[in-house]
Amino acid sequence: MTALVLGYYPDVNASTRVGLRPLHLASMAGFTDICSQLVNLGAEVEARDSDGLTALRVAVQAGELEVVKMLIERGARTDTIGVKDGHSLIEIAVISGHESIIHYLEKQTTL
C-alpha cells in the first residue's frame, strides 16, 4: 500500500493544506507498518501540522498504542507540548481515555 501511495505522491514529507503529512495520516489510522515504512523512507518523525501536532501526538489522541510504541522507538520525542493547547502527551492520553497509552508513556518517562 505504501508503494502505491508513493507512486502517486513520492515525497514522504509532502503535506496537505493543513500540514498533514503521510505519517500523520497513517498514525491516526493505526497503520503501524505503513508508519514504519514511511520513517524508513525519510519521513520526518517530528514534523508538525498547521496545529503544531506531531504524528506521535495524533497517534496518542487516536488511541493507537502500537503506532505510539513504534514512533517512540524510532526517535519521536515524548516531552513535546501541544502548541495550541499546552497539553503533554500523557495529558492527551488521559483526556482521550486511553489507559494503555497512559501506562506506556509513564514507563517511557521514568526510564
N, C-alpha and C. Protein backbone atom coordinates (compact mmCIF):
# COMPACT_ATOMS: atom_id res chain seq x y z
N MET A 1 0.82 -1.19 0.00
CA MET A 1 0.00 0.00 0.00
C MET A 1 0.87 1.26 0.00
N THR A 2 1.94 1.23 0.79
CA THR A 2 2.83 2.39 0.82
C THR A 2 3.39 2.66 -0.56
N ALA A 3 3.81 1.61 -1.26
CA ALA A 3 4.36 1.77 -2.61
C ALA A 3 3.32 2.38 -3.55
N LEU A 4 2.08 1.97 -3.41
CA LEU A 4 1.02 2.51 -4.25
C LEU A 4 0.84 4.00 -3.99
N VAL A 5 0.77 4.37 -2.72
CA VAL A 5 0.61 5.79 -2.36
C VAL A 5 1.81 6.59 -2.84
N LEU A 6 3.01 6.07 -2.61
CA LEU A 6 4.21 6.81 -3.00
C LEU A 6 4.38 6.86 -4.51
N GLY A 7 3.73 5.97 -5.23
CA GLY A 7 3.74 6.05 -6.68
C GLY A 7 3.05 7.32 -7.17
N TYR A 8 2.04 7.73 -6.42
CA TYR A 8 1.31 8.96 -6.76
C TYR A 8 1.92 10.18 -6.09
N TYR A 9 2.42 10.00 -4.88
CA TYR A 9 2.98 11.10 -4.09
C TYR A 9 4.35 10.68 -3.56
N PRO A 10 5.39 10.81 -4.38
CA PRO A 10 6.69 10.26 -4.00
C PRO A 10 7.39 10.98 -2.84
N ASP A 11 6.93 12.16 -2.46
CA ASP A 11 7.56 12.89 -1.36
C ASP A 11 6.91 12.48 -0.05
N VAL A 12 7.64 11.72 0.78
CA VAL A 12 7.07 11.24 2.05
C VAL A 12 6.83 12.37 3.03
N ASN A 13 7.35 13.56 2.75
CA ASN A 13 7.14 14.70 3.63
C ASN A 13 6.22 15.76 3.01
N ALA A 14 5.54 15.40 1.93
CA ALA A 14 4.56 16.32 1.34
C ALA A 14 3.43 16.52 2.35
N SER A 15 2.78 17.67 2.28
CA SER A 15 1.70 17.92 3.24
C SER A 15 0.47 18.49 2.55
N THR A 16 -0.65 18.32 3.24
CA THR A 16 -1.91 18.89 2.77
C THR A 16 -1.93 20.38 3.10
N ARG A 17 -3.02 21.04 2.74
CA ARG A 17 -3.14 22.47 3.05
C ARG A 17 -3.08 22.74 4.55
N VAL A 18 -3.48 21.77 5.35
CA VAL A 18 -3.44 21.96 6.80
C VAL A 18 -2.21 21.30 7.44
N GLY A 19 -1.25 20.96 6.62
CA GLY A 19 0.02 20.48 7.12
C GLY A 19 0.09 19.01 7.47
N LEU A 20 -0.96 18.26 7.19
CA LEU A 20 -0.92 16.82 7.47
C LEU A 20 -0.01 16.13 6.46
N ARG A 21 0.86 15.31 6.97
CA ARG A 21 1.77 14.55 6.13
C ARG A 21 1.34 13.09 6.13
N PRO A 22 1.87 12.29 5.22
CA PRO A 22 1.51 10.87 5.21
C PRO A 22 1.69 10.19 6.57
N LEU A 23 2.73 10.57 7.30
CA LEU A 23 2.96 9.96 8.61
C LEU A 23 1.85 10.32 9.60
N HIS A 24 1.37 11.55 9.56
CA HIS A 24 0.23 11.94 10.41
C HIS A 24 -0.99 11.07 10.09
N LEU A 25 -1.29 10.96 8.81
CA LEU A 25 -2.49 10.23 8.39
C LEU A 25 -2.40 8.75 8.75
N ALA A 26 -1.25 8.14 8.50
CA ALA A 26 -1.08 6.72 8.84
C ALA A 26 -1.10 6.52 10.35
N SER A 27 -0.58 7.47 11.10
CA SER A 27 -0.55 7.37 12.56
C SER A 27 -1.95 7.42 13.15
N MET A 28 -2.76 8.34 12.69
CA MET A 28 -4.11 8.45 13.26
C MET A 28 -5.00 7.29 12.83
N ALA A 29 -4.65 6.64 11.73
CA ALA A 29 -5.43 5.49 11.26
C ALA A 29 -4.95 4.17 11.86
N GLY A 30 -3.81 4.20 12.55
CA GLY A 30 -3.31 2.98 13.18
C GLY A 30 -2.55 2.06 12.26
N PHE A 31 -2.02 2.57 11.17
CA PHE A 31 -1.28 1.75 10.21
C PHE A 31 0.20 1.70 10.60
N THR A 32 0.51 0.88 11.59
CA THR A 32 1.86 0.81 12.14
C THR A 32 2.90 0.46 11.08
N ASP A 33 2.63 -0.55 10.26
CA ASP A 33 3.60 -0.96 9.24
C ASP A 33 3.86 0.15 8.23
N ILE A 34 2.81 0.85 7.84
CA ILE A 34 2.98 1.95 6.89
C ILE A 34 3.77 3.08 7.55
N CYS A 35 3.49 3.37 8.82
CA CYS A 35 4.27 4.39 9.53
C CYS A 35 5.75 4.03 9.53
N SER A 36 6.04 2.78 9.83
CA SER A 36 7.43 2.32 9.86
C SER A 36 8.09 2.46 8.49
N GLN A 37 7.37 2.08 7.45
CA GLN A 37 7.92 2.22 6.10
C GLN A 37 8.16 3.68 5.75
N LEU A 38 7.24 4.55 6.13
CA LEU A 38 7.41 5.98 5.85
C LEU A 38 8.65 6.53 6.55
N VAL A 39 8.85 6.14 7.80
CA VAL A 39 10.05 6.57 8.53
C VAL A 39 11.30 6.02 7.84
N ASN A 40 11.26 4.77 7.42
CA ASN A 40 12.40 4.18 6.69
C ASN A 40 12.72 4.97 5.43
N LEU A 41 11.69 5.53 4.81
CA LEU A 41 11.86 6.28 3.56
C LEU A 41 12.19 7.75 3.80
N GLY A 42 12.34 8.15 5.06
CA GLY A 42 12.77 9.51 5.36
C GLY A 42 11.70 10.45 5.88
N ALA A 43 10.55 9.94 6.25
CA ALA A 43 9.52 10.82 6.82
C ALA A 43 10.05 11.44 8.11
N GLU A 44 9.80 12.72 8.28
CA GLU A 44 10.26 13.45 9.46
C GLU A 44 9.34 13.13 10.64
N VAL A 45 9.88 12.43 11.63
CA VAL A 45 9.09 11.99 12.78
C VAL A 45 8.56 13.17 13.59
N GLU A 46 9.32 14.24 13.66
CA GLU A 46 8.93 15.40 14.47
C GLU A 46 8.19 16.49 13.69
N ALA A 47 7.84 16.22 12.44
CA ALA A 47 7.12 17.22 11.65
C ALA A 47 5.79 17.55 12.31
N ARG A 48 5.42 18.82 12.25
CA ARG A 48 4.16 19.28 12.85
C ARG A 48 3.20 19.75 11.77
N ASP A 49 1.92 19.54 12.03
CA ASP A 49 0.90 20.03 11.11
C ASP A 49 0.62 21.50 11.43
N SER A 50 -0.38 22.09 10.78
CA SER A 50 -0.66 23.51 10.98
C SER A 50 -1.15 23.82 12.39
N ASP A 51 -1.59 22.80 13.13
CA ASP A 51 -1.98 22.99 14.53
C ASP A 51 -0.82 22.70 15.49
N GLY A 52 0.34 22.39 14.94
CA GLY A 52 1.50 22.11 15.76
C GLY A 52 1.57 20.70 16.30
N LEU A 53 0.81 19.77 15.71
CA LEU A 53 0.75 18.40 16.21
C LEU A 53 1.71 17.49 15.44
N THR A 54 2.40 16.64 16.17
CA THR A 54 3.28 15.64 15.56
C THR A 54 2.48 14.37 15.29
N ALA A 55 3.08 13.45 14.56
CA ALA A 55 2.44 12.15 14.30
C ALA A 55 2.23 11.40 15.61
N LEU A 56 3.18 11.52 16.54
CA LEU A 56 3.03 10.87 17.84
C LEU A 56 1.82 11.43 18.57
N ARG A 57 1.67 12.71 18.55
CA ARG A 57 0.53 13.33 19.24
C ARG A 57 -0.80 12.84 18.66
N VAL A 58 -0.91 12.76 17.33
CA VAL A 58 -2.19 12.31 16.76
C VAL A 58 -2.41 10.82 17.03
N ALA A 59 -1.33 10.04 17.11
CA ALA A 59 -1.48 8.62 17.45
C ALA A 59 -1.94 8.45 18.89
N VAL A 60 -1.41 9.26 19.80
CA VAL A 60 -1.85 9.22 21.20
C VAL A 60 -3.32 9.57 21.29
N GLN A 61 -3.70 10.65 20.64
CA GLN A 61 -5.09 11.10 20.69
C GLN A 61 -6.04 10.07 20.08
N ALA A 62 -5.59 9.37 19.04
CA ALA A 62 -6.43 8.37 18.37
C ALA A 62 -6.44 7.03 19.12
N GLY A 63 -5.56 6.88 20.10
CA GLY A 63 -5.52 5.63 20.85
C GLY A 63 -4.78 4.51 20.16
N GLU A 64 -3.84 4.84 19.32
CA GLU A 64 -3.11 3.84 18.52
C GLU A 64 -1.80 3.46 19.21
N LEU A 65 -1.89 2.57 20.19
CA LEU A 65 -0.75 2.20 21.02
C LEU A 65 0.43 1.65 20.22
N GLU A 66 0.19 0.77 19.27
CA GLU A 66 1.30 0.19 18.50
C GLU A 66 2.03 1.25 17.68
N VAL A 67 1.29 2.20 17.16
CA VAL A 67 1.93 3.31 16.43
C VAL A 67 2.74 4.15 17.40
N VAL A 68 2.18 4.43 18.57
CA VAL A 68 2.88 5.20 19.60
C VAL A 68 4.21 4.53 19.93
N LYS A 69 4.18 3.23 20.18
CA LYS A 69 5.40 2.48 20.51
C LYS A 69 6.43 2.58 19.39
N MET A 70 5.98 2.36 18.16
CA MET A 70 6.90 2.38 17.02
C MET A 70 7.53 3.76 16.85
N LEU A 71 6.72 4.82 16.95
CA LEU A 71 7.26 6.17 16.76
C LEU A 71 8.28 6.51 17.84
N ILE A 72 8.00 6.13 19.07
CA ILE A 72 8.96 6.39 20.15
C ILE A 72 10.24 5.59 19.93
N GLU A 73 10.11 4.34 19.52
CA GLU A 73 11.29 3.52 19.21
C GLU A 73 12.10 4.13 18.07
N ARG A 74 11.43 4.85 17.19
CA ARG A 74 12.11 5.45 16.03
C ARG A 74 12.55 6.89 16.29
N GLY A 75 12.46 7.33 17.55
CA GLY A 75 13.03 8.62 17.92
C GLY A 75 12.07 9.75 18.17
N ALA A 76 10.78 9.51 18.15
CA ALA A 76 9.83 10.59 18.44
C ALA A 76 9.99 11.03 19.89
N ARG A 77 9.96 12.32 20.09
CA ARG A 77 10.13 12.88 21.43
C ARG A 77 8.84 12.76 22.23
N THR A 78 8.98 12.38 23.49
CA THR A 78 7.82 12.24 24.37
C THR A 78 7.60 13.46 25.24
N ASP A 79 8.49 14.42 25.15
CA ASP A 79 8.39 15.60 26.01
C ASP A 79 7.77 16.81 25.31
N THR A 80 7.17 16.59 24.16
CA THR A 80 6.59 17.71 23.43
C THR A 80 5.27 18.14 24.06
N ILE A 81 5.01 19.42 23.96
CA ILE A 81 3.79 20.03 24.49
C ILE A 81 3.00 20.58 23.30
N GLY A 82 1.69 20.42 23.34
CA GLY A 82 0.85 20.95 22.27
C GLY A 82 1.01 22.45 22.12
N VAL A 83 1.25 22.90 20.92
CA VAL A 83 1.48 24.32 20.66
C VAL A 83 0.25 25.14 21.01
N LYS A 84 -0.92 24.66 20.62
CA LYS A 84 -2.14 25.43 20.84
C LYS A 84 -2.81 25.16 22.18
N ASP A 85 -2.75 23.91 22.66
CA ASP A 85 -3.48 23.60 23.90
C ASP A 85 -2.59 23.45 25.12
N GLY A 86 -1.28 23.36 24.94
CA GLY A 86 -0.37 23.27 26.06
C GLY A 86 -0.36 21.94 26.79
N HIS A 87 -0.98 20.91 26.23
CA HIS A 87 -1.06 19.61 26.88
C HIS A 87 0.12 18.72 26.52
N SER A 88 0.56 17.94 27.50
CA SER A 88 1.58 16.93 27.27
C SER A 88 0.92 15.71 26.64
N LEU A 89 1.74 14.77 26.19
CA LEU A 89 1.21 13.54 25.61
C LEU A 89 0.40 12.74 26.63
N ILE A 90 0.90 12.66 27.86
CA ILE A 90 0.15 11.93 28.89
C ILE A 90 -1.19 12.61 29.16
N GLU A 91 -1.21 13.93 29.20
CA GLU A 91 -2.48 14.64 29.41
C GLU A 91 -3.46 14.34 28.28
N ILE A 92 -2.98 14.28 27.06
CA ILE A 92 -3.86 13.96 25.93
C ILE A 92 -4.39 12.54 26.06
N ALA A 93 -3.54 11.61 26.47
CA ALA A 93 -3.99 10.22 26.67
C ALA A 93 -5.06 10.15 27.76
N VAL A 94 -4.88 10.92 28.84
CA VAL A 94 -5.87 10.95 29.92
C VAL A 94 -7.18 11.53 29.42
N ILE A 95 -7.11 12.68 28.76
CA ILE A 95 -8.31 13.34 28.24
C ILE A 95 -9.05 12.42 27.28
N SER A 96 -8.30 11.68 26.47
CA SER A 96 -8.89 10.80 25.47
C SER A 96 -9.30 9.44 26.03
N GLY A 97 -8.91 9.15 27.27
CA GLY A 97 -9.30 7.90 27.91
C GLY A 97 -8.56 6.66 27.44
N HIS A 98 -7.31 6.83 27.04
CA HIS A 98 -6.53 5.70 26.52
C HIS A 98 -5.56 5.19 27.59
N GLU A 99 -6.06 4.33 28.47
CA GLU A 99 -5.29 3.86 29.63
C GLU A 99 -4.00 3.14 29.24
N SER A 100 -4.05 2.31 28.21
CA SER A 100 -2.84 1.57 27.83
C SER A 100 -1.74 2.53 27.38
N ILE A 101 -2.12 3.60 26.73
CA ILE A 101 -1.13 4.60 26.30
C ILE A 101 -0.61 5.38 27.50
N ILE A 102 -1.50 5.70 28.44
CA ILE A 102 -1.07 6.38 29.67
C ILE A 102 0.02 5.56 30.35
N HIS A 103 -0.23 4.27 30.56
CA HIS A 103 0.74 3.40 31.23
C HIS A 103 2.04 3.30 30.45
N TYR A 104 1.94 3.18 29.14
CA TYR A 104 3.15 3.08 28.31
C TYR A 104 3.97 4.37 28.40
N LEU A 105 3.31 5.52 28.29
CA LEU A 105 4.03 6.79 28.35
C LEU A 105 4.64 7.02 29.73
N GLU A 106 3.95 6.61 30.78
CA GLU A 106 4.51 6.73 32.13
C GLU A 106 5.80 5.93 32.25
N LYS A 107 5.83 4.74 31.67
CA LYS A 107 7.05 3.92 31.70
C LYS A 107 8.17 4.59 30.92
N GLN A 108 7.84 5.24 29.82
CA GLN A 108 8.86 5.89 28.99
C GLN A 108 9.49 7.07 29.72
N THR A 109 8.71 7.79 30.49
CA THR A 109 9.24 8.98 31.17
C THR A 109 10.01 8.63 32.43
N THR A 110 9.89 7.39 32.91
CA THR A 110 10.63 7.00 34.11
C THR A 110 11.92 6.26 33.77
N LEU A 111 12.18 6.03 32.49
CA LEU A 111 13.40 5.30 32.10
C LEU A 111 14.63 6.17 32.27
